[in-house]
Amino acid sequence: MIKTCEFCSRKHPDKICDFIADSILDAYLVNDKESRVAVEVMGGHHLITINGEVTSNGWASFNYY
């Protein structure tokens, strides 16, 4: 058996996209625990694209730093 390990730095586009998608989900779940969030975040070459759909009775509030 061969064991392998994948490592990506914190600034890798996959990590940033995962963080954005998780943040969107968390923002909706704060106000509506039954929210359904299907979001795909794609990034690279200084461009972030967010696609998907949200079904929720709540709203999302984001803080930008």
C-alpha atoms as a PDB file:
ATOM      1  CA  MET A   1       0.000   0.000   0.000  1.00  0.00           C
ATOM      2  CA  ILE A   2       1.249   3.480  -0.902  1.00  0.00           C
ATOM      3  CA  LYS A   3       0.260   6.382   1.338  1.00  0.00           C
ATOM      4  CA  THR A   4       0.265   9.915   0.002  1.00  0.00           C
ATOM      5  CA  CYS A   5      -0.496  13.315   1.446  1.00  0.00           C
ATOM      6  CA  GLU A   6      -1.623  16.459  -0.337  1.00  0.00           C
ATOM      7  CA  PHE A   7      -0.691  19.869   1.026  1.00  0.00           C
ATOM      8  CA  CYS A   8      -1.912  23.288  -0.111  1.00  0.00           C
ATOM      9  CA  SER A   9      -0.798  26.569   1.403  1.00  0.00           C
ATOM     10  CA  ARG A  10      -3.388  28.854   3.024  1.00  0.00           C
ATOM     11  CA  LYS A  11      -3.336  31.152   0.004  1.00  0.00           C
ATOM     12  CA  HIS A  12      -3.967  28.371  -2.519  1.00  0.00           C
ATOM     13  CA  PRO A  13      -7.076  29.161  -4.631  1.00  0.00           C
ATOM     14  CA  ASP A  14      -8.810  25.935  -3.507  1.00  0.00           C
ATOM     15  CA  LYS A  15      -8.453  26.900   0.158  1.00  0.00           C
ATOM     16  CA  ILE A  16      -9.737  30.419  -0.492  1.00  0.00           C
ATOM     17  CA  CYS A  17     -12.719  29.103  -2.478  1.00  0.00           C
ATOM     18  CA  ASP A  18     -13.577  26.601   0.273  1.00  0.00           C
ATOM     19  CA  PHE A  19     -13.408  29.408   2.855  1.00  0.00           C
ATOM     20  CA  ILE A  20     -15.773  31.612   0.821  1.00  0.00           C
ATOM     21  CA  ALA A  21     -18.292  28.785   0.284  1.00  0.00           C
ATOM     22  CA  ASP A  22     -18.212  27.857   3.989  1.00  0.00           C
ATOM     23  CA  SER A  23     -18.681  31.501   4.979  1.00  0.00           C
ATOM     24  CA  ILE A  24     -21.752  31.852   2.753  1.00  0.00           C
ATOM     25  CA  LEU A  25     -23.283  28.714   4.256  1.00  0.00           C
ATOM     26  CA  ASP A  26     -22.514  29.831   7.829  1.00  0.00           C
ATOM     27  CA  ALA A  27     -24.019  33.286   7.203  1.00  0.00           C
ATOM     28  CA  TYR A  28     -27.345  31.789   6.129  1.00  0.00           C
ATOM     29  CA  LEU A  29     -27.442  29.187   8.902  1.00  0.00           C
ATOM     30  CA  VAL A  30     -27.176  31.921  11.561  1.00  0.00           C
ATOM     31  CA  ASN A  31     -30.712  33.158  10.753  1.00  0.00           C
ATOM     32  CA  ASP A  32     -32.330  29.996   9.403  1.00  0.00           C
ATOM     33  CA  LYS A  33     -31.083  26.567  10.470  1.00  0.00           C
ATOM     34  CA  GLU A  34     -33.102  24.984   7.641  1.00  0.00           C
ATOM     35  CA  SER A  35     -31.316  26.962   4.902  1.00  0.00           C
ATOM     36  CA  ARG A  36     -30.240  25.058   1.824  1.00  0.00           C
ATOM     37  CA  VAL A  37     -27.134  26.417   0.153  1.00  0.00           C
ATOM     38  CA  ALA A  38     -25.663  24.951  -3.034  1.00  0.00           C
ATOM     39  CA  VAL A  39     -22.746  27.198  -3.936  1.00  0.00           C
ATOM     40  CA  GLU A  40     -19.762  26.566  -6.185  1.00  0.00           C
ATOM     41  CA  VAL A  41     -16.839  28.965  -5.849  1.00  0.00           C
ATOM     42  CA  MET A  42     -14.172  29.029  -8.534  1.00  0.00           C
ATOM     43  CA  GLY A  43     -11.007  31.065  -8.339  1.00  0.00           C
ATOM     44  CA  GLY A  44      -7.693  31.692  -9.967  1.00  0.00           C
ATOM     45  CA  HIS A  45      -5.765  34.344 -11.875  1.00  0.00           C
ATOM     46  CA  HIS A  46      -7.099  37.172  -9.645  1.00  0.00           C
ATOM     47  CA  LEU A  47     -10.764  36.294 -10.321  1.00  0.00           C
ATOM     48  CA  ILE A  48     -13.372  34.722  -8.021  1.00  0.00           C
ATOM     49  CA  THR A  49     -16.671  33.426  -9.453  1.00  0.00           C
ATOM     50  CA  ILE A  50     -19.568  32.328  -7.243  1.00  0.00           C
ATOM     51  CA  ASN A  51     -22.418  30.273  -8.738  1.00  0.00           C
ATOM     52  CA  GLY A  52     -25.300  28.451  -7.146  1.00  0.00           C
ATOM     53  CA  GLU A  53     -28.588  28.803  -5.377  1.00  0.00           C
ATOM     54  CA  VAL A  54     -29.860  29.473  -1.873  1.00  0.00           C
ATOM     55  CA  THR A  55     -33.212  28.558  -0.343  1.00  0.00           C
ATOM     56  CA  SER A  56     -33.707  30.275   2.993  1.00  0.00           C
ATOM     57  CA  ASN A  57     -36.215  32.180   5.096  1.00  0.00           C
ATOM     58  CA  GLY A  58     -33.314  34.125   6.592  1.00  0.00           C
ATOM     59  CA  TRP A  59     -30.745  36.495   5.216  1.00  0.00           C
ATOM     60  CA  ALA A  60     -26.991  36.586   5.057  1.00  0.00           C
ATOM     61  CA  SER A  61     -24.918  39.329   6.608  1.00  0.00           C
ATOM     62  CA  PHE A  62     -21.251  39.593   5.680  1.00  0.00           C
ATOM     63  CA  ASN A  63     -18.513  41.642   7.305  1.00  0.00           C
ATOM     64  CA  TYR A  64     -15.753  42.761   4.989  1.00  0.00           C
ATOM     65  CA  TYR A  65     -12.337  43.403   6.442  1.00  0.00           C
END
